[in-house]
Amino acid sequence: MADKTIADFLSGKTQHTIDLFNHFIDAYNKIGLIELHAAKTMIGISNGHKRIAWITQLGKNFMHVIFPFKEPYYDNLCFIKIAQVPGNNNQFNHHFRMLHTSDISEEMMHYMKLAYEQ
């Protein structure tokens, strides 16, 4: 089977989900240049040096993104779950569920920038 593309992930998705995806990518491009990498089950986002986030789900009316940080950031209104990666003392995956374009708040932009720069 041929490698997946970004278009493969967006194929058959609702216009709402495609709009969420485009808004998220546009917001990240305001922070800095990013690259998208289609994998088997997710879309990786890199800053040209390393992966800074993964889009793991494109649902009917949402998009799910995971940000890996070296420490947990519990005091926020952005993440629905924060989990330490088993066997890895310095990776905490922060799960972000985007339902509306307005979910890319000033606070979320702060964490997106933090992921980009780390």
Protein backbone atom coordinates (compact mmCIF):
# COMPACT_ATOMS: atom_id res chain seq x y z
CA MET A 1 0.00 0.00 0.00
CA ALA A 2 1.22 3.48 -0.83
CA ASP A 3 2.12 5.91 1.93
CA LYS A 4 -0.74 7.95 3.36
CA THR A 5 -1.05 11.63 2.55
CA ILE A 6 -2.64 14.52 4.42
CA ALA A 7 -5.44 14.42 1.81
CA ASP A 8 -6.08 10.76 2.77
CA PHE A 9 -6.68 11.80 6.39
CA LEU A 10 -9.06 14.60 5.33
CA SER A 11 -10.92 12.49 2.77
CA GLY A 12 -14.56 11.98 3.73
CA LYS A 13 -14.36 14.34 6.72
CA THR A 14 -17.03 16.93 7.39
CA GLN A 15 -16.46 20.51 6.31
CA HIS A 16 -16.48 21.44 10.01
CA THR A 17 -13.56 19.10 10.73
CA ILE A 18 -11.64 20.30 7.67
CA ASP A 19 -12.19 23.89 8.85
CA LEU A 20 -10.85 22.96 12.32
CA PHE A 21 -7.77 21.36 10.73
CA ASN A 22 -7.10 24.37 8.49
CA HIS A 23 -7.58 26.83 11.37
CA PHE A 24 -5.19 24.85 13.58
CA ILE A 25 -2.51 24.71 10.86
CA ASP A 26 -2.97 28.43 10.08
CA ALA A 27 -2.57 29.25 13.79
CA TYR A 28 0.62 27.20 13.99
CA ASN A 29 2.03 28.88 10.90
CA LYS A 30 1.67 32.22 12.74
CA ILE A 31 4.06 30.85 15.39
CA GLY A 32 6.63 29.50 12.95
CA LEU A 33 7.22 27.32 9.93
CA ILE A 34 5.85 23.82 10.42
CA GLU A 35 5.96 20.61 8.42
CA LEU A 36 3.20 18.00 8.29
CA HIS A 37 4.10 14.31 8.12
CA ALA A 38 1.43 11.74 7.30
CA ALA A 39 2.05 8.45 9.14
CA LYS A 40 -0.03 5.26 9.24
CA THR A 41 -2.43 6.40 11.94
CA MET A 42 -1.75 10.09 12.58
CA ILE A 43 -0.38 13.35 11.23
CA GLY A 44 2.88 14.50 12.79
CA ILE A 45 3.70 18.18 13.07
CA SER A 46 7.34 19.22 13.23
CA ASN A 47 9.24 22.46 13.55
CA GLY A 48 11.87 21.26 11.09
CA HIS A 49 13.94 19.67 13.86
CA LYS A 50 11.57 17.40 15.78
CA ARG A 51 7.93 16.42 16.13
CA ILE A 52 6.10 18.92 18.30
CA ALA A 53 2.56 17.53 18.08
CA TRP A 54 0.48 14.75 16.58
CA ILE A 55 -3.03 14.97 15.17
CA THR A 56 -4.38 11.59 16.25
CA GLN A 57 -8.06 11.90 15.37
CA LEU A 58 -10.16 13.80 12.88
CA GLY A 59 -13.74 13.05 13.98
CA LYS A 60 -17.10 14.17 12.64
CA ASN A 61 -17.03 17.40 14.64
CA PHE A 62 -13.65 17.51 16.39
CA MET A 63 -9.90 17.17 16.05
CA HIS A 64 -7.68 15.54 18.68
CA VAL A 65 -4.07 16.68 19.07
CA ILE A 66 -1.33 15.45 21.41
CA PHE A 67 1.52 17.71 22.52
CA PRO A 68 4.57 16.07 24.14
CA PHE A 69 6.09 18.14 26.92
CA LYS A 70 8.97 17.40 29.28
CA GLU A 71 6.84 18.29 32.30
CA PRO A 72 3.11 18.28 33.03
CA TYR A 73 1.20 21.56 32.78
CA TYR A 74 -1.82 20.85 34.95
CA ASP A 75 -2.94 24.43 35.58
CA ASN A 76 -4.69 25.21 32.29
CA LEU A 77 -8.04 25.17 30.54
CA CYS A 78 -6.75 23.62 27.29
CA PHE A 79 -5.99 19.96 27.86
CA ILE A 80 -8.55 17.24 28.55
CA LYS A 81 -5.91 14.75 29.69
CA ILE A 82 -2.24 14.78 30.69
CA ALA A 83 -0.48 11.43 30.84
CA GLN A 84 3.13 10.46 31.47
CA VAL A 85 4.47 8.16 28.79
CA PRO A 86 5.18 4.77 30.44
CA GLY A 87 8.90 4.17 30.88
CA ASN A 88 9.75 7.76 29.98
CA ASN A 89 10.32 10.04 32.95
CA ASN A 90 10.46 13.20 30.87
CA GLN A 91 7.56 12.96 28.42
CA PHE A 92 4.05 14.02 29.36
CA ASN A 93 1.49 13.85 26.57
CA HIS A 94 -1.04 16.68 26.73
CA HIS A 95 -4.30 15.87 24.94
CA PHE A 96 -6.18 18.73 23.27
CA ARG A 97 -9.66 18.23 21.80
CA MET A 98 -10.65 20.98 19.38
CA LEU A 99 -14.40 21.36 18.82
CA HIS A 100 -14.52 24.96 17.58
CA THR A 101 -12.05 27.32 15.92
CA SER A 102 -12.37 29.49 19.04
CA ASP A 103 -10.66 26.68 21.01
CA ILE A 104 -7.38 28.10 19.70
CA SER A 105 -7.38 30.67 22.48
CA GLU A 106 -4.57 32.90 23.65
CA GLU A 107 -3.77 30.24 26.27
CA MET A 108 -3.69 27.47 23.66
CA MET A 109 -1.42 29.56 21.44
CA HIS A 110 0.94 29.84 24.44
CA TYR A 111 1.20 26.03 24.68
CA MET A 112 1.49 25.62 20.90
CA LYS A 113 4.40 28.09 20.94
CA LEU A 114 5.95 26.31 23.94
CA ALA A 115 5.82 23.01 22.02
CA TYR A 116 7.29 24.69 18.95
CA GLU A 117 10.24 26.19 20.83
CA GLN A 118 11.20 23.34 23.16
